[in-house]
């Protein structure tokens, strides 16, 4: 785990502290982690943008970015294209096979 320092407006800092003092969260980090998860669940556009950036950095493969953003692979490719992010091929053979099987199932041509 790495450390991140945030400068929060006083009002937000007071709200975070109050949530911890009320026993709703164990600490400020738990509050912020929950807030980020909630934001990402509520905002598919943010999930897509984050997935694209993580793909661009090489953190996520195409399949992982698609899965994380709740998009199919073709939608993920379009999202990368819209953001002018060049696609690479860091996918493992297993991921390529899984994407191919998913495409066959979607098309109704799955033979298994």
C-alpha atoms as a PDB file:
ATOM      1  CA  UNK A   1       0.000   0.000   0.000  1.00  0.00           C
ATOM      2  CA  UNK A   2       1.260   3.475  -0.784  1.00  0.00           C
ATOM      3  CA  UNK A   3       0.572   6.773   0.941  1.00  0.00           C
ATOM      4  CA  UNK A   4      -1.255   9.698  -0.604  1.00  0.00           C
ATOM      5  CA  UNK A   5      -1.531  13.110   1.001  1.00  0.00           C
ATOM      6  CA  UNK A   6      -4.724  15.069   0.384  1.00  0.00           C
ATOM      7  CA  UNK A   7      -5.344  18.713   1.127  1.00  0.00           C
ATOM      8  CA  UNK A   8      -9.055  18.938   1.860  1.00  0.00           C
ATOM      9  CA  UNK A   9     -11.139  22.044   2.401  1.00  0.00           C
ATOM     10  CA  UNK A  10     -11.783  22.624   6.103  1.00  0.00           C
ATOM     11  CA  UNK A  11     -15.489  21.801   5.813  1.00  0.00           C
ATOM     12  CA  UNK A  12     -14.767  18.454   4.128  1.00  0.00           C
ATOM     13  CA  UNK A  13     -12.043  17.641   6.644  1.00  0.00           C
ATOM     14  CA  UNK A  14     -14.533  18.371   9.477  1.00  0.00           C
ATOM     15  CA  UNK A  15     -17.106  16.059   7.867  1.00  0.00           C
ATOM     16  CA  UNK A  16     -14.595  13.233   7.496  1.00  0.00           C
ATOM     17  CA  UNK A  17     -13.466  13.658  11.102  1.00  0.00           C
ATOM     18  CA  UNK A  18     -17.079  13.691  12.311  1.00  0.00           C
ATOM     19  CA  UNK A  19     -17.814  10.428  10.486  1.00  0.00           C
ATOM     20  CA  UNK A  20     -14.804   8.820  12.170  1.00  0.00           C
ATOM     21  CA  UNK A  21     -15.729  10.282  15.592  1.00  0.00           C
ATOM     22  CA  UNK A  22     -19.277   8.952  15.169  1.00  0.00           C
ATOM     23  CA  UNK A  23     -17.838   5.470  14.726  1.00  0.00           C
ATOM     24  CA  UNK A  24     -19.093   5.086  11.167  1.00  0.00           C
ATOM     25  CA  UNK A  25     -15.533   4.602   9.872  1.00  0.00           C
ATOM     26  CA  UNK A  26     -12.442   3.289  11.615  1.00  0.00           C
ATOM     27  CA  UNK A  27     -10.290   6.124  10.279  1.00  0.00           C
ATOM     28  CA  UNK A  28     -10.030   8.789   7.592  1.00  0.00           C
ATOM     29  CA  UNK A  29      -8.527   6.347   5.107  1.00  0.00           C
ATOM     30  CA  UNK A  30     -11.540   4.043   5.398  1.00  0.00           C
ATOM     31  CA  UNK A  31     -13.870   6.980   4.800  1.00  0.00           C
ATOM     32  CA  UNK A  32     -11.985   8.126   1.695  1.00  0.00           C
ATOM     33  CA  UNK A  33     -11.753   4.569   0.312  1.00  0.00           C
ATOM     34  CA  UNK A  34     -15.514   4.135   0.721  1.00  0.00           C
ATOM     35  CA  UNK A  35     -16.176   7.532  -0.855  1.00  0.00           C
ATOM     36  CA  UNK A  36     -14.070   6.603  -3.898  1.00  0.00           C
ATOM     37  CA  UNK A  37     -15.777   3.202  -4.273  1.00  0.00           C
ATOM     38  CA  UNK A  38     -19.184   4.881  -4.010  1.00  0.00           C
ATOM     39  CA  UNK A  39     -18.252   7.503  -6.606  1.00  0.00           C
ATOM     40  CA  UNK A  40     -16.982   4.872  -9.029  1.00  0.00           C
ATOM     41  CA  UNK A  41     -20.148   2.792  -8.579  1.00  0.00           C
ATOM     42  CA  UNK A  42     -22.368   5.818  -9.225  1.00  0.00           C
ATOM     43  CA  UNK A  43     -20.408   7.264 -12.153  1.00  0.00           C
ATOM     44  CA  UNK A  44     -19.773   4.851 -15.048  1.00  0.00           C
ATOM     45  CA  UNK A  45     -18.156   7.714 -16.978  1.00  0.00           C
ATOM     46  CA  UNK A  46     -15.522   8.087 -14.262  1.00  0.00           C
ATOM     47  CA  UNK A  47     -14.916   4.311 -14.193  1.00  0.00           C
ATOM     48  CA  UNK A  48     -14.432   4.347 -17.965  1.00  0.00           C
ATOM     49  CA  UNK A  49     -12.001   7.288 -17.812  1.00  0.00           C
ATOM     50  CA  UNK A  50     -10.010   5.668 -14.998  1.00  0.00           C
ATOM     51  CA  UNK A  51      -9.893   2.323 -16.817  1.00  0.00           C
ATOM     52  CA  UNK A  52      -8.605   4.080 -19.938  1.00  0.00           C
ATOM     53  CA  UNK A  53      -5.834   5.823 -18.013  1.00  0.00           C
ATOM     54  CA  UNK A  54      -4.823   2.631 -16.217  1.00  0.00           C
ATOM     55  CA  UNK A  55      -4.723   0.851 -19.580  1.00  0.00           C
ATOM     56  CA  UNK A  56      -2.632   3.682 -21.039  1.00  0.00           C
ATOM     57  CA  UNK A  57      -0.162   3.392 -18.132  1.00  0.00           C
ATOM     58  CA  UNK A  58       0.101  -0.370 -18.664  1.00  0.00           C
ATOM     59  CA  UNK A  59      -1.479  -1.173 -15.294  1.00  0.00           C
ATOM     60  CA  UNK A  60      -4.511  -2.873 -16.907  1.00  0.00           C
ATOM     61  CA  UNK A  61      -4.702  -5.059 -19.976  1.00  0.00           C
ATOM     62  CA  UNK A  62      -7.544  -4.454 -22.427  1.00  0.00           C
ATOM     63  CA  UNK A  63      -9.562  -7.289 -20.888  1.00  0.00           C
ATOM     64  CA  UNK A  64      -8.973  -6.103 -17.326  1.00  0.00           C
ATOM     65  CA  UNK A  65      -9.858  -2.484 -18.236  1.00  0.00           C
ATOM     66  CA  UNK A  66     -13.067  -3.660 -19.897  1.00  0.00           C
ATOM     67  CA  UNK A  67     -13.994  -5.867 -16.945  1.00  0.00           C
ATOM     68  CA  UNK A  68     -13.218  -3.157 -14.360  1.00  0.00           C
ATOM     69  CA  UNK A  69     -15.203  -0.502 -16.218  1.00  0.00           C
ATOM     70  CA  UNK A  70     -18.160  -2.840 -16.848  1.00  0.00           C
ATOM     71  CA  UNK A  71     -17.741  -2.513 -20.612  1.00  0.00           C
ATOM     72  CA  UNK A  72     -17.354  -5.256 -23.158  1.00  0.00           C
ATOM     73  CA  UNK A  73     -14.056  -5.374 -25.035  1.00  0.00           C
ATOM     74  CA  UNK A  74     -15.438  -3.624 -28.119  1.00  0.00           C
ATOM     75  CA  UNK A  75     -16.881  -0.792 -26.007  1.00  0.00           C
ATOM     76  CA  UNK A  76     -13.522  -0.498 -24.240  1.00  0.00           C
ATOM     77  CA  UNK A  77     -11.741  -0.247 -27.578  1.00  0.00           C
ATOM     78  CA  UNK A  78     -14.105   2.569 -28.569  1.00  0.00           C
ATOM     79  CA  UNK A  79     -13.516   4.338 -25.246  1.00  0.00           C
ATOM     80  CA  UNK A  80      -9.754   4.186 -25.827  1.00  0.00           C
ATOM     81  CA  UNK A  81     -10.198   5.456 -29.376  1.00  0.00           C
ATOM     82  CA  UNK A  82     -12.333   8.404 -28.203  1.00  0.00           C
ATOM     83  CA  UNK A  83      -9.545   9.368 -25.824  1.00  0.00           C
ATOM     84  CA  UNK A  84      -6.922   8.880 -28.546  1.00  0.00           C
ATOM     85  CA  UNK A  85      -5.177   6.194 -26.522  1.00  0.00           C
ATOM     86  CA  UNK A  86      -3.228   3.832 -28.717  1.00  0.00           C
ATOM     87  CA  UNK A  87      -3.937   0.188 -28.061  1.00  0.00           C
ATOM     88  CA  UNK A  88      -1.108  -2.170 -27.307  1.00  0.00           C
ATOM     89  CA  UNK A  89      -1.248  -5.897 -26.768  1.00  0.00           C
ATOM     90  CA  UNK A  90      -0.112  -6.667 -23.202  1.00  0.00           C
ATOM     91  CA  UNK A  91      -2.859  -9.270 -22.857  1.00  0.00           C
ATOM     92  CA  UNK A  92      -1.799 -12.712 -21.798  1.00  0.00           C
ATOM     93  CA  UNK A  93      -2.698 -15.657 -24.034  1.00  0.00           C
ATOM     94  CA  UNK A  94      -5.281 -16.659 -21.418  1.00  0.00           C
ATOM     95  CA  UNK A  95      -6.919 -13.200 -21.598  1.00  0.00           C
ATOM     96  CA  UNK A  96      -6.991 -13.325 -25.405  1.00  0.00           C
ATOM     97  CA  UNK A  97      -8.616 -16.756 -25.262  1.00  0.00           C
ATOM     98  CA  UNK A  98     -11.164 -15.581 -22.662  1.00  0.00           C
ATOM     99  CA  UNK A  99     -12.037 -12.533 -24.792  1.00  0.00           C
ATOM    100  CA  UNK A 100     -12.437 -14.743 -27.867  1.00  0.00           C
ATOM    101  CA  UNK A 101     -14.720 -17.146 -25.977  1.00  0.00           C
ATOM    102  CA  UNK A 102     -16.797 -14.229 -24.665  1.00  0.00           C
ATOM    103  CA  UNK A 103     -17.131 -12.849 -28.206  1.00  0.00           C
ATOM    104  CA  UNK A 104     -18.271 -16.251 -29.486  1.00  0.00           C
ATOM    105  CA  UNK A 105     -20.841 -16.555 -26.673  1.00  0.00           C
ATOM    106  CA  UNK A 106     -22.134 -13.056 -27.381  1.00  0.00           C
ATOM    107  CA  UNK A 107     -22.456 -13.818 -31.089  1.00  0.00           C
ATOM    108  CA  UNK A 108     -24.220 -17.118 -30.394  1.00  0.00           C
ATOM    109  CA  UNK A 109     -21.505 -19.106 -32.156  1.00  0.00           C
ATOM    110  CA  UNK A 110     -20.065 -20.790 -29.066  1.00  0.00           C
ATOM    111  CA  UNK A 111     -19.449 -24.483 -29.855  1.00  0.00           C
ATOM    112  CA  UNK A 112     -18.873 -25.629 -26.261  1.00  0.00           C
END
